[in-house]
Amino acid sequence: MAVSRTGDWARARQLLAAGSSRLEGAMQTALRQEAHALRKEVVQGLTQQAPGGEPLRPPSPLTLAARQLAGVSGTKSLLVSGALRNSISVVVEGDEAFIGVSRTAKGPDGEALVDVAQLQEYGGPPVIVPMTPKMRRFLFALLRQAGLAGQSRNGGGGRGVVVTQTPARPFLRPAFARFRQGASRRFLARVAKELGLGGPG
């Protein structure tokens, strides 16, 4: 049986093409919105010291004592200068989005912040540091500043080593895990709003 076409098929093709373009644009906008919302979740988690609702491990007494001796105020974790928090960035390419610390981000001292982020996110291995008399005197000063001087029997000389280890303070994974909840629903709602079909206010 023959099939005959009626109507403006050229216009119909234009409308379909325009509809596809609108949908693609709406999805790109929704992706950017979700990416920036996730960045906000990470930044707020650091500011509030509870990424994804999980409290960050506080600085040790020796860390706080070192800050005081250096004239640095503040008792929060990962926020001495704010550089790590400020380095959280968003990069959208095609249908993918990156939220995290860029490899090019640097701290005030020139240190690569991606290395700092990795160390804090997962923790580090034990590091053995040979003690010099000067280092031993500094350690004793830290213990005294922290109110722990009674734990050291030698404030001046001697030999030995000190073992340090950076504990994990994850600030990305907990935020990602909480943000993942309801992500599909939010994304579709954002797309629908961009297409004029309703969505989040």
C-alpha atoms as a PDB file:
ATOM      1  CA  MET A   1       0.000   0.000   0.000  1.00  0.00           C
ATOM      2  CA  ALA A   2       1.364   3.370  -0.975  1.00  0.00           C
ATOM      3  CA  VAL A   3       2.001   5.965   1.734  1.00  0.00           C
ATOM      4  CA  SER A   4       1.440   9.620   0.942  1.00  0.00           C
ATOM      5  CA  ARG A   5       2.906  12.428   3.015  1.00  0.00           C
ATOM      6  CA  THR A   6       0.900  15.543   3.742  1.00  0.00           C
ATOM      7  CA  GLY A   7       1.852  18.756   5.502  1.00  0.00           C
ATOM      8  CA  ASP A   8       5.072  20.720   5.797  1.00  0.00           C
ATOM      9  CA  TRP A   9       7.636  17.958   6.352  1.00  0.00           C
ATOM     10  CA  ALA A  10      10.544  20.350   5.947  1.00  0.00           C
ATOM     11  CA  ARG A  11       9.167  22.432   8.833  1.00  0.00           C
ATOM     12  CA  ALA A  12       8.604  19.284  10.859  1.00  0.00           C
ATOM     13  CA  ARG A  13      12.256  18.318  10.416  1.00  0.00           C
ATOM     14  CA  GLN A  14      13.310  21.815  11.518  1.00  0.00           C
ATOM     15  CA  LEU A  15      11.159  21.564  14.640  1.00  0.00           C
ATOM     16  CA  LEU A  16      12.562  18.149  15.489  1.00  0.00           C
ATOM     17  CA  ALA A  17      16.112  19.416  14.996  1.00  0.00           C
ATOM     18  CA  ALA A  18      15.388  22.469  17.133  1.00  0.00           C
ATOM     19  CA  GLY A  19      13.856  20.247  19.807  1.00  0.00           C
ATOM     20  CA  SER A  20      16.967  18.084  19.903  1.00  0.00           C
ATOM     21  CA  SER A  21      19.138  21.179  20.171  1.00  0.00           C
ATOM     22  CA  ARG A  22      17.001  22.520  23.015  1.00  0.00           C
ATOM     23  CA  LEU A  23      17.227  19.230  24.864  1.00  0.00           C
ATOM     24  CA  GLU A  24      20.998  19.129  24.491  1.00  0.00           C
ATOM     25  CA  GLY A  25      21.271  22.702  25.741  1.00  0.00           C
ATOM     26  CA  ALA A  26      19.004  21.951  28.684  1.00  0.00           C
ATOM     27  CA  MET A  27      21.102  18.925  29.633  1.00  0.00           C
ATOM     28  CA  GLN A  28      24.312  20.969  29.454  1.00  0.00           C
ATOM     29  CA  THR A  29      22.805  23.630  31.703  1.00  0.00           C
ATOM     30  CA  ALA A  30      21.571  21.009  34.151  1.00  0.00           C
ATOM     31  CA  LEU A  31      25.005  19.378  34.224  1.00  0.00           C
ATOM     32  CA  ARG A  32      26.706  22.694  35.031  1.00  0.00           C
ATOM     33  CA  GLN A  33      24.144  23.425  37.732  1.00  0.00           C
ATOM     34  CA  GLU A  34      24.664  20.040  39.364  1.00  0.00           C
ATOM     35  CA  ALA A  35      28.455  20.402  39.172  1.00  0.00           C
ATOM     36  CA  HIS A  36      28.410  23.790  40.890  1.00  0.00           C
ATOM     37  CA  ALA A  37      25.938  22.510  43.467  1.00  0.00           C
ATOM     38  CA  LEU A  38      28.353  19.679  44.279  1.00  0.00           C
ATOM     39  CA  ARG A  39      31.237  22.152  44.584  1.00  0.00           C
ATOM     40  CA  LYS A  40      29.111  24.154  47.029  1.00  0.00           C
ATOM     41  CA  GLU A  41      28.491  20.958  49.023  1.00  0.00           C
ATOM     42  CA  VAL A  42      32.250  20.304  49.292  1.00  0.00           C
ATOM     43  CA  VAL A  43      33.076  23.904  50.234  1.00  0.00           C
ATOM     44  CA  GLN A  44      30.342  24.037  52.869  1.00  0.00           C
ATOM     45  CA  GLY A  45      31.524  20.716  54.263  1.00  0.00           C
ATOM     46  CA  LEU A  46      35.011  22.138  54.802  1.00  0.00           C
ATOM     47  CA  THR A  47      33.680  25.384  56.253  1.00  0.00           C
ATOM     48  CA  GLN A  48      31.368  23.560  58.652  1.00  0.00           C
ATOM     49  CA  GLN A  49      34.003  20.862  59.342  1.00  0.00           C
ATOM     50  CA  ALA A  50      31.552  18.099  58.457  1.00  0.00           C
ATOM     51  CA  PRO A  51      31.790  16.998  54.779  1.00  0.00           C
ATOM     52  CA  GLY A  52      28.732  14.963  53.906  1.00  0.00           C
ATOM     53  CA  GLY A  53      27.670  15.243  57.539  1.00  0.00           C
ATOM     54  CA  GLU A  54      30.757  13.386  58.779  1.00  0.00           C
ATOM     55  CA  PRO A  55      32.831  15.467  61.266  1.00  0.00           C
ATOM     56  CA  LEU A  56      36.439  16.066  60.272  1.00  0.00           C
ATOM     57  CA  ARG A  57      39.122  14.850  62.630  1.00  0.00           C
ATOM     58  CA  PRO A  58      40.314  17.932  64.557  1.00  0.00           C
ATOM     59  CA  PRO A  59      43.963  19.045  64.545  1.00  0.00           C
ATOM     60  CA  SER A  60      46.177  17.410  67.150  1.00  0.00           C
ATOM     61  CA  PRO A  61      47.329  19.437  70.193  1.00  0.00           C
ATOM     62  CA  LEU A  62      50.840  19.581  68.717  1.00  0.00           C
ATOM     63  CA  THR A  63      49.478  20.937  65.429  1.00  0.00           C
ATOM     64  CA  LEU A  64      47.570  23.644  67.272  1.00  0.00           C
ATOM     65  CA  ALA A  65      50.670  24.442  69.340  1.00  0.00           C
ATOM     66  CA  ALA A  66      52.753  24.762  66.163  1.00  0.00           C
ATOM     67  CA  ARG A  67      50.170  27.163  64.742  1.00  0.00           C
ATOM     68  CA  GLN A  68      50.290  29.289  67.886  1.00  0.00           C
ATOM     69  CA  LEU A  69      54.095  29.440  67.887  1.00  0.00           C
ATOM     70  CA  ALA A  70      53.969  30.491  64.224  1.00  0.00           C
ATOM     71  CA  GLY A  71      51.428  33.196  64.994  1.00  0.00           C
ATOM     72  CA  VAL A  72      48.684  31.455  63.040  1.00  0.00           C
ATOM     73  CA  SER A  73      45.184  31.600  64.490  1.00  0.00           C
ATOM     74  CA  GLY A  74      42.387  29.122  63.953  1.00  0.00           C
ATOM     75  CA  THR A  75      41.598  25.672  65.251  1.00  0.00           C
ATOM     76  CA  LYS A  76      39.817  24.131  62.257  1.00  0.00           C
ATOM     77  CA  SER A  77      41.107  21.298  60.080  1.00  0.00           C
ATOM     78  CA  LEU A  78      42.257  21.983  56.499  1.00  0.00           C
ATOM     79  CA  LEU A  79      41.513  25.712  56.774  1.00  0.00           C
ATOM     80  CA  VAL A  80      44.753  27.319  57.938  1.00  0.00           C
ATOM     81  CA  SER A  81      44.982  29.527  54.838  1.00  0.00           C
ATOM     82  CA  GLY A  82      41.760  28.592  53.047  1.00  0.00           C
ATOM     83  CA  ALA A  83      43.791  27.717  49.940  1.00  0.00           C
ATOM     84  CA  LEU A  84      42.598  24.103  49.788  1.00  0.00           C
ATOM     85  CA  ARG A  85      38.953  25.098  50.092  1.00  0.00           C
ATOM     86  CA  ASN A  86      39.346  27.885  47.537  1.00  0.00           C
ATOM     87  CA  SER A  87      41.014  25.495  45.079  1.00  0.00           C
ATOM     88  CA  ILE A  88      37.886  23.342  44.690  1.00  0.00           C
ATOM     89  CA  SER A  89      36.927  23.947  41.072  1.00  0.00           C
ATOM     90  CA  VAL A  90      34.471  22.875  38.388  1.00  0.00           C
ATOM     91  CA  VAL A  91      35.400  21.930  34.841  1.00  0.00           C
ATOM     92  CA  VAL A  92      32.671  20.844  32.392  1.00  0.00           C
ATOM     93  CA  GLU A  93      33.644  19.229  29.096  1.00  0.00           C
ATOM     94  CA  GLY A  94      30.962  17.754  26.914  1.00  0.00           C
ATOM     95  CA  ASP A  95      28.743  15.504  28.988  1.00  0.00           C
ATOM     96  CA  GLU A  96      31.272  15.127  31.813  1.00  0.00           C
ATOM     97  CA  ALA A  97      32.052  17.339  34.796  1.00  0.00           C
ATOM     98  CA  PHE A  98      35.094  17.456  37.078  1.00  0.00           C
ATOM     99  CA  ILE A  99      34.732  18.701  40.645  1.00  0.00           C
ATOM    100  CA  GLY A 100      37.856  18.712  42.774  1.00  0.00           C
ATOM    101  CA  VAL A 101      41.345  20.165  43.052  1.00  0.00           C
ATOM    102  CA  SER A 102      43.096  20.971  39.780  1.00  0.00           C
ATOM    103  CA  ARG A 103      46.629  19.693  39.235  1.00  0.00           C
ATOM    104  CA  THR A 104      47.704  23.280  38.536  1.00  0.00           C
ATOM    105  CA  ALA A 105      46.402  24.710  41.824  1.00  0.00           C
ATOM    106  CA  LYS A 106      49.154  25.975  44.148  1.00  0.00           C
ATOM    107  CA  GLY A 107      49.181  26.944  47.809  1.00  0.00           C
ATOM    108  CA  PRO A 108      50.721  30.124  49.273  1.00  0.00           C
ATOM    109  CA  ASP A 109      54.071  28.335  49.549  1.00  0.00           C
ATOM    110  CA  GLY A 110      53.910  27.006  45.985  1.00  0.00           C
ATOM    111  CA  GLU A 111      52.997  23.467  47.034  1.00  0.00           C
ATOM    112  CA  ALA A 112      50.762  21.523  44.651  1.00  0.00           C
ATOM    113  CA  LEU A 113      47.363  21.490  46.327  1.00  0.00           C
ATOM    114  CA  VAL A 114      46.344  18.282  44.559  1.00  0.00           C
ATOM    115  CA  ASP A 115      49.054  16.529  46.603  1.00  0.00           C
ATOM    116  CA  VAL A 116      47.773  18.159  49.787  1.00  0.00           C
ATOM    117  CA  ALA A 117      44.219  17.091  48.933  1.00  0.00           C
ATOM    118  CA  GLN A 118      45.276  13.483  48.294  1.00  0.00           C
ATOM    119  CA  LEU A 119      47.249  13.332  51.544  1.00  0.00           C
ATOM    120  CA  GLN A 120      44.342  14.670  53.566  1.00  0.00           C
ATOM    121  CA  GLU A 121      41.716  12.570  51.772  1.00  0.00           C
ATOM    122  CA  TYR A 122      43.497   9.243  52.284  1.00  0.00           C
ATOM    123  CA  GLY A 123      46.131   9.915  54.941  1.00  0.00           C
ATOM    124  CA  GLY A 124      49.819   9.184  54.624  1.00  0.00           C
ATOM    125  CA  PRO A 125      52.277   6.468  55.651  1.00  0.00           C
ATOM    126  CA  PRO A 126      54.462   6.806  58.747  1.00  0.00           C
ATOM    127  CA  VAL A 127      57.443   9.113  58.209  1.00  0.00           C
ATOM    128  CA  ILE A 128      60.585   8.637  60.303  1.00  0.00           C
ATOM    129  CA  VAL A 129      62.502  11.855  60.893  1.00  0.00           C
ATOM    130  CA  PRO A 130      65.999  11.775  62.495  1.00  0.00           C
ATOM    131  CA  MET A 131      66.105  14.162  65.442  1.00  0.00           C
ATOM    132  CA  THR A 132      68.744  16.864  65.729  1.00  0.00           C
ATOM    133  CA  PRO A 133      69.290  18.754  68.990  1.00  0.00           C
ATOM    134  CA  LYS A 134      67.575  21.794  67.442  1.00  0.00           C
ATOM    135  CA  MET A 135      64.569  19.722  66.380  1.00  0.00           C
ATOM    136  CA  ARG A 136      64.384  18.156  69.831  1.00  0.00           C
ATOM    137  CA  ARG A 137      64.302  21.585  71.476  1.00  0.00           C
ATOM    138  CA  PHE A 138      61.561  22.651  69.070  1.00  0.00           C
ATOM    139  CA  LEU A 139      59.535  19.517  69.870  1.00  0.00           C
ATOM    140  CA  PHE A 140      59.886  20.221  73.578  1.00  0.00           C
ATOM    141  CA  ALA A 141      58.675  23.777  72.960  1.00  0.00           C
ATOM    142  CA  LEU A 142      55.643  22.372  71.146  1.00  0.00           C
ATOM    143  CA  LEU A 143      54.909  19.968  73.996  1.00  0.00           C
ATOM    144  CA  ARG A 144      55.168  22.807  76.484  1.00  0.00           C
ATOM    145  CA  GLN A 145      52.910  25.052  74.360  1.00  0.00           C
ATOM    146  CA  ALA A 146      50.378  22.211  74.123  1.00  0.00           C
ATOM    147  CA  GLY A 147      50.523  21.565  77.856  1.00  0.00           C
ATOM    148  CA  LEU A 148      52.165  18.172  77.311  1.00  0.00           C
ATOM    149  CA  ALA A 149      55.677  18.960  78.535  1.00  0.00           C
ATOM    150  CA  GLY A 150      55.485  16.261  81.187  1.00  0.00           C
ATOM    151  CA  GLN A 151      55.530  13.638  78.422  1.00  0.00           C
ATOM    152  CA  SER A 152      59.081  14.570  77.423  1.00  0.00           C
ATOM    153  CA  ARG A 153      62.050  13.874  79.697  1.00  0.00           C
ATOM    154  CA  ASN A 154      64.657  15.595  77.600  1.00  0.00           C
ATOM    155  CA  GLY A 155      64.234  19.125  76.352  1.00  0.00           C
ATOM    156  CA  GLY A 156      67.667  19.743  74.929  1.00  0.00           C
ATOM    157  CA  GLY A 157      70.044  17.143  73.579  1.00  0.00           C
ATOM    158  CA  GLY A 158      70.251  13.508  72.721  1.00  0.00           C
ATOM    159  CA  ARG A 159      69.679  11.482  69.610  1.00  0.00           C
ATOM    160  CA  GLY A 160      66.721   9.625  68.236  1.00  0.00           C
ATOM    161  CA  VAL A 161      63.935   9.818  65.738  1.00  0.00           C
ATOM    162  CA  VAL A 162      60.367  10.992  65.657  1.00  0.00           C
ATOM    163  CA  VAL A 163      57.639   9.198  63.723  1.00  0.00           C
ATOM    164  CA  THR A 164      54.902  11.322  62.206  1.00  0.00           C
ATOM    165  CA  GLN A 165      51.842  10.296  60.231  1.00  0.00           C
ATOM    166  CA  THR A 166      49.081  12.337  58.623  1.00  0.00           C
ATOM    167  CA  PRO A 167      45.680  10.822  59.442  1.00  0.00           C
ATOM    168  CA  ALA A 168      42.965  10.697  56.788  1.00  0.00           C
ATOM    169  CA  ARG A 169      40.535  13.605  56.825  1.00  0.00           C
ATOM    170  CA  PRO A 170      38.302  12.830  53.828  1.00  0.00           C
ATOM    171  CA  PHE A 171      36.458  15.911  52.589  1.00  0.00           C
ATOM    172  CA  LEU A 172      35.578  14.877  49.019  1.00  0.00           C
ATOM    173  CA  ARG A 173      34.242  11.325  49.273  1.00  0.00           C
ATOM    174  CA  PRO A 174      31.688  12.002  52.050  1.00  0.00           C
ATOM    175  CA  ALA A 175      30.373  15.056  50.186  1.00  0.00           C
ATOM    176  CA  PHE A 176      30.161  13.086  46.930  1.00  0.00           C
ATOM    177  CA  ALA A 177      28.352  10.222  48.646  1.00  0.00           C
ATOM    178  CA  ARG A 178      25.677  12.464  50.141  1.00  0.00           C
ATOM    179  CA  PHE A 179      25.254  14.471  46.940  1.00  0.00           C
ATOM    180  CA  ARG A 180      24.803  11.275  44.928  1.00  0.00           C
ATOM    181  CA  GLN A 181      21.506  10.660  46.745  1.00  0.00           C
ATOM    182  CA  GLY A 182      18.692  11.825  44.494  1.00  0.00           C
ATOM    183  CA  ALA A 183      21.101  12.964  41.764  1.00  0.00           C
ATOM    184  CA  SER A 184      19.100  11.463  38.880  1.00  0.00           C
ATOM    185  CA  ARG A 185      15.863  13.011  40.083  1.00  0.00           C
ATOM    186  CA  ARG A 186      17.470  16.432  40.524  1.00  0.00           C
ATOM    187  CA  PHE A 187      19.110  16.299  37.111  1.00  0.00           C
ATOM    188  CA  LEU A 188      15.880  15.387  35.318  1.00  0.00           C
ATOM    189  CA  ALA A 189      14.024  18.109  37.200  1.00  0.00           C
ATOM    190  CA  ARG A 190      16.619  20.675  36.116  1.00  0.00           C
ATOM    191  CA  VAL A 191      16.315  19.561  32.497  1.00  0.00           C
ATOM    192  CA  ALA A 192      12.533  19.792  32.671  1.00  0.00           C
ATOM    193  CA  LYS A 193      12.728  23.316  34.089  1.00  0.00           C
ATOM    194  CA  GLU A 194      15.047  24.431  31.269  1.00  0.00           C
ATOM    195  CA  LEU A 195      12.551  23.056  28.748  1.00  0.00           C
ATOM    196  CA  GLY A 196       9.717  24.934  30.425  1.00  0.00           C
ATOM    197  CA  LEU A 197       8.130  21.768  31.790  1.00  0.00           C
ATOM    198  CA  GLY A 198       8.465  22.656  35.463  1.00  0.00           C
ATOM    199  CA  GLY A 199      11.245  21.825  37.870  1.00  0.00           C
ATOM    200  CA  PRO A 200      12.984  23.028  41.024  1.00  0.00           C
ATOM    201  CA  GLY A 201      12.355  26.628  41.972  1.00  0.00           C
END
